[in-house]
């Protein structure tokens, strides 16, 4: 687990993926969050968890897949699209009255939010759209900032940092013993409430045994 107080999980993913790319390493991000699509690059692939017709599936998202699905030349332009259309699930306001189709058309034509505002007089920008853009420029700029995943989180990026060590088997064994977590508890049919059936007694034992196993696994994972 990698975390840093005050930093979003997206920013940590962005930082680690950027570090992988800078080293020339292949990076695969398995996520269901479409915000991560902006991180895609020549060395960064997103394995996007989605559902279709009620069945789970994974889409392999690459720069080519972004071009095919969104008509954008660069995955980073998804940030620009969100700055215009917003995202209510992330409290990103965008420009009121501009949806995904219009945002994709504007960014596909001009390339970035900055260039959209530099070409408000372009015939492709209709009067009604121009008015919305002018009235909500501050919200668009704020949305761009909010929608951008950071790649400078203060976390370790060297691969060796996350290699699994030898652990502490002796310490794990001692703690398991202290917690009385044995993996071969004998069956005791005399235990249990008075009047319970033999089958119910065995079931209680199995449940008890399962709890011990679960506790043991948690401790071993923590210490090894």
C-alpha atoms as a PDB file:
ATOM      1  CA  UNK A   1       0.000   0.000   0.000  1.00  0.00           C
ATOM      2  CA  UNK A   2       1.263   3.462  -0.947  1.00  0.00           C
ATOM      3  CA  UNK A   3      -0.232   6.564   0.632  1.00  0.00           C
ATOM      4  CA  UNK A   4       0.681  10.090   1.620  1.00  0.00           C
ATOM      5  CA  UNK A   5      -1.325  12.333   3.905  1.00  0.00           C
ATOM      6  CA  UNK A   6      -2.993  15.154   2.015  1.00  0.00           C
ATOM      7  CA  UNK A   7      -2.612  13.527  -1.391  1.00  0.00           C
ATOM      8  CA  UNK A   8      -5.283  11.821  -3.485  1.00  0.00           C
ATOM      9  CA  UNK A   9      -4.837   8.248  -4.677  1.00  0.00           C
ATOM     10  CA  UNK A  10      -5.055   9.546  -8.276  1.00  0.00           C
ATOM     11  CA  UNK A  11      -2.061  11.803  -7.668  1.00  0.00           C
ATOM     12  CA  UNK A  12      -0.005   8.896  -6.315  1.00  0.00           C
ATOM     13  CA  UNK A  13      -0.925   6.767  -9.336  1.00  0.00           C
ATOM     14  CA  UNK A  14      -0.031   9.675 -11.581  1.00  0.00           C
ATOM     15  CA  UNK A  15       3.328  10.125  -9.881  1.00  0.00           C
ATOM     16  CA  UNK A  16       4.246   6.432 -10.046  1.00  0.00           C
ATOM     17  CA  UNK A  17       3.138   6.086 -13.667  1.00  0.00           C
ATOM     18  CA  UNK A  18       5.097   9.198 -14.671  1.00  0.00           C
ATOM     19  CA  UNK A  19       8.185   7.797 -12.948  1.00  0.00           C
ATOM     20  CA  UNK A  20       7.794   4.494 -14.810  1.00  0.00           C
ATOM     21  CA  UNK A  21       7.464   6.309 -18.105  1.00  0.00           C
ATOM     22  CA  UNK A  22      10.505   8.485 -17.412  1.00  0.00           C
ATOM     23  CA  UNK A  23      12.579   5.339 -16.778  1.00  0.00           C
ATOM     24  CA  UNK A  24      11.338   3.793 -19.989  1.00  0.00           C
ATOM     25  CA  UNK A  25       9.425   1.090 -18.102  1.00  0.00           C
ATOM     26  CA  UNK A  26       6.021  -0.214 -19.118  1.00  0.00           C
ATOM     27  CA  UNK A  27       3.260   0.762 -16.695  1.00  0.00           C
ATOM     28  CA  UNK A  28      -0.220  -0.767 -16.466  1.00  0.00           C
ATOM     29  CA  UNK A  29      -2.895   0.866 -14.313  1.00  0.00           C
ATOM     30  CA  UNK A  30      -5.850  -1.383 -13.433  1.00  0.00           C
ATOM     31  CA  UNK A  31      -8.735   0.882 -12.439  1.00  0.00           C
ATOM     32  CA  UNK A  32     -12.386   1.657 -12.977  1.00  0.00           C
ATOM     33  CA  UNK A  33     -11.779   5.411 -12.775  1.00  0.00           C
ATOM     34  CA  UNK A  34     -11.923   7.111 -16.171  1.00  0.00           C
ATOM     35  CA  UNK A  35     -10.013  10.090 -14.770  1.00  0.00           C
ATOM     36  CA  UNK A  36      -6.887   7.933 -15.085  1.00  0.00           C
ATOM     37  CA  UNK A  37      -7.228   7.934 -18.875  1.00  0.00           C
ATOM     38  CA  UNK A  38      -5.377  11.259 -18.939  1.00  0.00           C
ATOM     39  CA  UNK A  39      -2.273   9.395 -17.722  1.00  0.00           C
ATOM     40  CA  UNK A  40      -2.094   7.194 -20.814  1.00  0.00           C
ATOM     41  CA  UNK A  41       1.054   7.488 -22.901  1.00  0.00           C
ATOM     42  CA  UNK A  42       3.495   5.455 -24.956  1.00  0.00           C
ATOM     43  CA  UNK A  43       4.600   3.633 -21.802  1.00  0.00           C
ATOM     44  CA  UNK A  44       1.402   3.886 -19.752  1.00  0.00           C
ATOM     45  CA  UNK A  45      -1.636   1.706 -20.439  1.00  0.00           C
ATOM     46  CA  UNK A  46      -4.877   1.806 -18.482  1.00  0.00           C
ATOM     47  CA  UNK A  47      -6.753  -1.463 -17.970  1.00  0.00           C
ATOM     48  CA  UNK A  48     -10.200   0.039 -17.517  1.00  0.00           C
ATOM     49  CA  UNK A  49     -12.769  -2.025 -15.618  1.00  0.00           C
ATOM     50  CA  UNK A  50     -16.185  -1.541 -17.195  1.00  0.00           C
ATOM     51  CA  UNK A  51     -19.440  -3.417 -17.600  1.00  0.00           C
ATOM     52  CA  UNK A  52     -21.427  -4.253 -20.723  1.00  0.00           C
ATOM     53  CA  UNK A  53     -24.854  -5.867 -20.791  1.00  0.00           C
ATOM     54  CA  UNK A  54     -24.476  -6.542 -17.071  1.00  0.00           C
ATOM     55  CA  UNK A  55     -21.152  -8.347 -17.506  1.00  0.00           C
ATOM     56  CA  UNK A  56     -17.782  -7.100 -16.308  1.00  0.00           C
ATOM     57  CA  UNK A  57     -15.041  -6.548 -18.844  1.00  0.00           C
ATOM     58  CA  UNK A  58     -11.670  -4.867 -19.082  1.00  0.00           C
ATOM     59  CA  UNK A  59     -10.805  -2.416 -21.836  1.00  0.00           C
ATOM     60  CA  UNK A  60      -7.173  -1.935 -22.760  1.00  0.00           C
ATOM     61  CA  UNK A  61      -6.844   1.828 -23.165  1.00  0.00           C
ATOM     62  CA  UNK A  62      -3.863   3.131 -25.144  1.00  0.00           C
ATOM     63  CA  UNK A  63      -3.232   6.366 -27.084  1.00  0.00           C
ATOM     64  CA  UNK A  64      -4.755   4.623 -30.110  1.00  0.00           C
ATOM     65  CA  UNK A  65      -7.859   3.663 -28.152  1.00  0.00           C
ATOM     66  CA  UNK A  66      -8.269   7.286 -27.029  1.00  0.00           C
ATOM     67  CA  UNK A  67      -8.070   8.484 -30.641  1.00  0.00           C
ATOM     68  CA  UNK A  68     -10.611   5.910 -31.701  1.00  0.00           C
ATOM     69  CA  UNK A  69     -13.077   6.482 -28.859  1.00  0.00           C
ATOM     70  CA  UNK A  70     -12.790  10.246 -28.314  1.00  0.00           C
ATOM     71  CA  UNK A  71     -11.223  11.587 -31.518  1.00  0.00           C
ATOM     72  CA  UNK A  72      -8.391  13.223 -29.562  1.00  0.00           C
ATOM     73  CA  UNK A  73      -4.752  13.136 -30.640  1.00  0.00           C
ATOM     74  CA  UNK A  74      -3.395  13.182 -27.075  1.00  0.00           C
ATOM     75  CA  UNK A  75      -4.865  11.522 -23.955  1.00  0.00           C
ATOM     76  CA  UNK A  76      -3.887  14.580 -21.938  1.00  0.00           C
ATOM     77  CA  UNK A  77      -6.543  16.509 -23.858  1.00  0.00           C
ATOM     78  CA  UNK A  78      -9.150  14.711 -21.771  1.00  0.00           C
ATOM     79  CA  UNK A  79      -8.236  17.233 -19.068  1.00  0.00           C
ATOM     80  CA  UNK A  80      -9.214  20.034 -21.440  1.00  0.00           C
ATOM     81  CA  UNK A  81     -12.490  18.289 -22.282  1.00  0.00           C
ATOM     82  CA  UNK A  82     -13.396  17.967 -18.611  1.00  0.00           C
ATOM     83  CA  UNK A  83     -12.569  21.640 -18.007  1.00  0.00           C
ATOM     84  CA  UNK A  84     -15.420  22.477 -20.378  1.00  0.00           C
ATOM     85  CA  UNK A  85     -18.004  19.764 -19.671  1.00  0.00           C
ATOM     86  CA  UNK A  86     -17.284  19.413 -15.936  1.00  0.00           C
ATOM     87  CA  UNK A  87     -17.987  16.349 -13.810  1.00  0.00           C
ATOM     88  CA  UNK A  88     -20.701  16.464 -11.159  1.00  0.00           C
ATOM     89  CA  UNK A  89     -19.402  13.281  -9.476  1.00  0.00           C
ATOM     90  CA  UNK A  90     -16.123  15.086  -8.706  1.00  0.00           C
ATOM     91  CA  UNK A  91     -17.673  18.522  -8.061  1.00  0.00           C
ATOM     92  CA  UNK A  92     -16.023  19.943 -11.165  1.00  0.00           C
ATOM     93  CA  UNK A  93     -18.302  22.722 -12.500  1.00  0.00           C
ATOM     94  CA  UNK A  94     -17.143  23.118 -16.094  1.00  0.00           C
ATOM     95  CA  UNK A  95     -18.989  25.564 -18.337  1.00  0.00           C
ATOM     96  CA  UNK A  96     -22.732  25.524 -17.772  1.00  0.00           C
ATOM     97  CA  UNK A  97     -24.568  24.403 -20.909  1.00  0.00           C
ATOM     98  CA  UNK A  98     -21.609  22.627 -22.527  1.00  0.00           C
ATOM     99  CA  UNK A  99     -21.740  18.848 -22.599  1.00  0.00           C
ATOM    100  CA  UNK A 100     -19.359  16.131 -23.700  1.00  0.00           C
ATOM    101  CA  UNK A 101     -20.161  16.334 -27.430  1.00  0.00           C
ATOM    102  CA  UNK A 102     -19.527  20.081 -27.632  1.00  0.00           C
ATOM    103  CA  UNK A 103     -16.455  19.889 -25.400  1.00  0.00           C
ATOM    104  CA  UNK A 104     -14.919  17.144 -27.567  1.00  0.00           C
ATOM    105  CA  UNK A 105     -15.644  19.172 -30.711  1.00  0.00           C
ATOM    106  CA  UNK A 106     -14.018  22.313 -29.306  1.00  0.00           C
ATOM    107  CA  UNK A 107     -10.909  20.560 -28.012  1.00  0.00           C
ATOM    108  CA  UNK A 108     -10.670  18.437 -31.134  1.00  0.00           C
ATOM    109  CA  UNK A 109     -10.604  21.643 -33.208  1.00  0.00           C
ATOM    110  CA  UNK A 110      -8.519  23.971 -31.036  1.00  0.00           C
ATOM    111  CA  UNK A 111      -6.470  21.542 -28.927  1.00  0.00           C
ATOM    112  CA  UNK A 112      -6.703  23.090 -25.472  1.00  0.00           C
ATOM    113  CA  UNK A 113      -8.804  25.288 -23.207  1.00  0.00           C
ATOM    114  CA  UNK A 114      -6.385  28.168 -23.697  1.00  0.00           C
ATOM    115  CA  UNK A 115      -6.718  27.932 -27.482  1.00  0.00           C
ATOM    116  CA  UNK A 116     -10.514  27.746 -27.259  1.00  0.00           C
ATOM    117  CA  UNK A 117     -10.537  31.112 -25.477  1.00  0.00           C
ATOM    118  CA  UNK A 118      -8.006  32.492 -27.933  1.00  0.00           C
ATOM    119  CA  UNK A 119     -10.389  31.704 -30.800  1.00  0.00           C
ATOM    120  CA  UNK A 120     -13.769  32.789 -29.471  1.00  0.00           C
ATOM    121  CA  UNK A 121     -14.242  34.813 -32.658  1.00  0.00           C
ATOM    122  CA  UNK A 122     -13.819  31.742 -34.841  1.00  0.00           C
ATOM    123  CA  UNK A 123     -16.941  31.015 -36.932  1.00  0.00           C
ATOM    124  CA  UNK A 124     -16.992  27.508 -35.450  1.00  0.00           C
ATOM    125  CA  UNK A 125     -17.866  29.032 -32.073  1.00  0.00           C
ATOM    126  CA  UNK A 126     -21.565  29.885 -32.275  1.00  0.00           C
ATOM    127  CA  UNK A 127     -22.838  33.070 -30.539  1.00  0.00           C
ATOM    128  CA  UNK A 128     -24.692  31.143 -27.829  1.00  0.00           C
ATOM    129  CA  UNK A 129     -21.664  28.991 -27.091  1.00  0.00           C
ATOM    130  CA  UNK A 130     -19.390  32.042 -27.095  1.00  0.00           C
ATOM    131  CA  UNK A 131     -21.611  33.703 -24.489  1.00  0.00           C
ATOM    132  CA  UNK A 132     -21.449  30.659 -22.213  1.00  0.00           C
ATOM    133  CA  UNK A 133     -17.682  30.463 -22.518  1.00  0.00           C
ATOM    134  CA  UNK A 134     -17.252  34.157 -21.759  1.00  0.00           C
ATOM    135  CA  UNK A 135     -19.539  34.037 -18.731  1.00  0.00           C
ATOM    136  CA  UNK A 136     -17.937  30.932 -17.217  1.00  0.00           C
ATOM    137  CA  UNK A 137     -14.250  31.345 -17.998  1.00  0.00           C
ATOM    138  CA  UNK A 138     -13.289  31.314 -14.322  1.00  0.00           C
ATOM    139  CA  UNK A 139     -15.168  28.033 -13.775  1.00  0.00           C
ATOM    140  CA  UNK A 140     -13.470  26.486 -16.816  1.00  0.00           C
ATOM    141  CA  UNK A 141     -10.010  27.413 -15.550  1.00  0.00           C
ATOM    142  CA  UNK A 142     -10.839  26.125 -12.074  1.00  0.00           C
ATOM    143  CA  UNK A 143     -12.163  22.907 -13.583  1.00  0.00           C
ATOM    144  CA  UNK A 144      -8.947  22.383 -15.499  1.00  0.00           C
ATOM    145  CA  UNK A 145      -6.956  22.677 -12.302  1.00  0.00           C
ATOM    146  CA  UNK A 146      -9.293  20.356 -10.383  1.00  0.00           C
ATOM    147  CA  UNK A 147      -9.369  17.770 -13.159  1.00  0.00           C
ATOM    148  CA  UNK A 148      -5.602  17.498 -13.596  1.00  0.00           C
ATOM    149  CA  UNK A 149      -3.976  14.522 -11.871  1.00  0.00           C
ATOM    150  CA  UNK A 150      -0.719  15.560 -10.210  1.00  0.00           C
ATOM    151  CA  UNK A 151       2.500  13.709 -10.997  1.00  0.00           C
ATOM    152  CA  UNK A 152       4.665  15.167  -8.240  1.00  0.00           C
ATOM    153  CA  UNK A 153       3.348  13.501  -5.084  1.00  0.00           C
ATOM    154  CA  UNK A 154       6.083  13.073  -2.428  1.00  0.00           C
ATOM    155  CA  UNK A 155       6.285   9.268  -2.599  1.00  0.00           C
ATOM    156  CA  UNK A 156       9.143   6.901  -3.328  1.00  0.00           C
ATOM    157  CA  UNK A 157       9.320   6.034  -7.023  1.00  0.00           C
ATOM    158  CA  UNK A 158      12.325   3.697  -7.111  1.00  0.00           C
ATOM    159  CA  UNK A 159      11.200   0.134  -7.991  1.00  0.00           C
ATOM    160  CA  UNK A 160      13.323  -1.399  -5.242  1.00  0.00           C
ATOM    161  CA  UNK A 161      11.292   0.423  -2.597  1.00  0.00           C
ATOM    162  CA  UNK A 162       8.309  -1.844  -3.221  1.00  0.00           C
ATOM    163  CA  UNK A 163      10.056  -5.197  -3.474  1.00  0.00           C
ATOM    164  CA  UNK A 164       8.824  -7.656  -0.876  1.00  0.00           C
ATOM    165  CA  UNK A 165      11.395  -8.326   1.833  1.00  0.00           C
ATOM    166  CA  UNK A 166      12.102 -11.483   3.811  1.00  0.00           C
ATOM    167  CA  UNK A 167       9.670 -10.510   6.544  1.00  0.00           C
ATOM    168  CA  UNK A 168       9.824 -11.759  10.127  1.00  0.00           C
ATOM    169  CA  UNK A 169       8.676 -15.418  10.285  1.00  0.00           C
ATOM    170  CA  UNK A 170       9.823 -15.795  13.912  1.00  0.00           C
ATOM    171  CA  UNK A 171       7.880 -12.720  14.961  1.00  0.00           C
ATOM    172  CA  UNK A 172       4.820 -13.952  13.074  1.00  0.00           C
ATOM    173  CA  UNK A 173       4.992 -17.331  14.792  1.00  0.00           C
ATOM    174  CA  UNK A 174       5.320 -15.712  18.205  1.00  0.00           C
ATOM    175  CA  UNK A 175       2.359 -13.422  17.653  1.00  0.00           C
ATOM    176  CA  UNK A 176       0.238 -16.283  16.326  1.00  0.00           C
ATOM    177  CA  UNK A 177       1.053 -18.221  19.480  1.00  0.00           C
ATOM    178  CA  UNK A 178       0.141 -15.254  21.679  1.00  0.00           C
ATOM    179  CA  UNK A 179      -3.181 -14.926  19.859  1.00  0.00           C
ATOM    180  CA  UNK A 180      -3.738 -18.673  20.179  1.00  0.00           C
ATOM    181  CA  UNK A 181      -4.195 -18.921  16.424  1.00  0.00           C
ATOM    182  CA  UNK A 182      -3.520 -22.587  15.754  1.00  0.00           C
ATOM    183  CA  UNK A 183      -4.149 -24.130  12.368  1.00  0.00           C
ATOM    184  CA  UNK A 184      -4.995 -27.626  13.633  1.00  0.00           C
ATOM    185  CA  UNK A 185      -7.568 -27.191  16.398  1.00  0.00           C
ATOM    186  CA  UNK A 186      -8.970 -30.592  17.496  1.00  0.00           C
ATOM    187  CA  UNK A 187     -12.674 -31.234  17.176  1.00  0.00           C
ATOM    188  CA  UNK A 188     -14.365 -31.045  20.575  1.00  0.00           C
ATOM    189  CA  UNK A 189     -17.933 -32.284  20.321  1.00  0.00           C
ATOM    190  CA  UNK A 190     -18.520 -31.716  24.062  1.00  0.00           C
ATOM    191  CA  UNK A 191     -18.268 -27.947  23.673  1.00  0.00           C
ATOM    192  CA  UNK A 192     -21.283 -25.801  22.895  1.00  0.00           C
ATOM    193  CA  UNK A 193     -24.651 -25.079  24.351  1.00  0.00           C
ATOM    194  CA  UNK A 194     -26.512 -27.770  26.188  1.00  0.00           C
ATOM    195  CA  UNK A 195     -28.987 -29.508  23.905  1.00  0.00           C
ATOM    196  CA  UNK A 196     -27.402 -28.515  20.588  1.00  0.00           C
ATOM    197  CA  UNK A 197     -27.266 -31.193  17.949  1.00  0.00           C
ATOM    198  CA  UNK A 198     -24.048 -32.887  16.946  1.00  0.00           C
ATOM    199  CA  UNK A 199     -24.227 -31.301  13.478  1.00  0.00           C
ATOM    200  CA  UNK A 200     -24.704 -27.821  14.956  1.00  0.00           C
ATOM    201  CA  UNK A 201     -21.736 -28.435  17.241  1.00  0.00           C
ATOM    202  CA  UNK A 202     -19.582 -29.378  14.278  1.00  0.00           C
ATOM    203  CA  UNK A 203     -20.735 -26.277  12.420  1.00  0.00           C
ATOM    204  CA  UNK A 204     -19.765 -24.089  15.359  1.00  0.00           C
ATOM    205  CA  UNK A 205     -16.374 -25.726  15.377  1.00  0.00           C
ATOM    206  CA  UNK A 206     -15.940 -25.136  11.665  1.00  0.00           C
ATOM    207  CA  UNK A 207     -16.888 -21.480  12.108  1.00  0.00           C
ATOM    208  CA  UNK A 208     -14.473 -21.179  15.027  1.00  0.00           C
ATOM    209  CA  UNK A 209     -11.741 -22.848  12.976  1.00  0.00           C
ATOM    210  CA  UNK A 210     -12.391 -20.480  10.051  1.00  0.00           C
ATOM    211  CA  UNK A 211     -12.036 -17.461  12.334  1.00  0.00           C
ATOM    212  CA  UNK A 212      -8.674 -18.745  13.550  1.00  0.00           C
ATOM    213  CA  UNK A 213      -7.535 -19.225   9.960  1.00  0.00           C
ATOM    214  CA  UNK A 214      -8.647 -15.713   9.030  1.00  0.00           C
ATOM    215  CA  UNK A 215      -6.850 -14.188  12.008  1.00  0.00           C
ATOM    216  CA  UNK A 216      -3.749 -16.178  11.197  1.00  0.00           C
ATOM    217  CA  UNK A 217      -3.741 -15.052   7.595  1.00  0.00           C
ATOM    218  CA  UNK A 218      -4.133 -11.383   8.582  1.00  0.00           C
ATOM    219  CA  UNK A 219      -1.244 -11.609  11.014  1.00  0.00           C
ATOM    220  CA  UNK A 220       0.991 -13.428   8.529  1.00  0.00           C
ATOM    221  CA  UNK A 221       0.248 -10.874   5.801  1.00  0.00           C
ATOM    222  CA  UNK A 222       1.098  -8.092   8.233  1.00  0.00           C
ATOM    223  CA  UNK A 223       4.395  -9.559   9.355  1.00  0.00           C
ATOM    224  CA  UNK A 224       5.776 -11.439   6.379  1.00  0.00           C
END
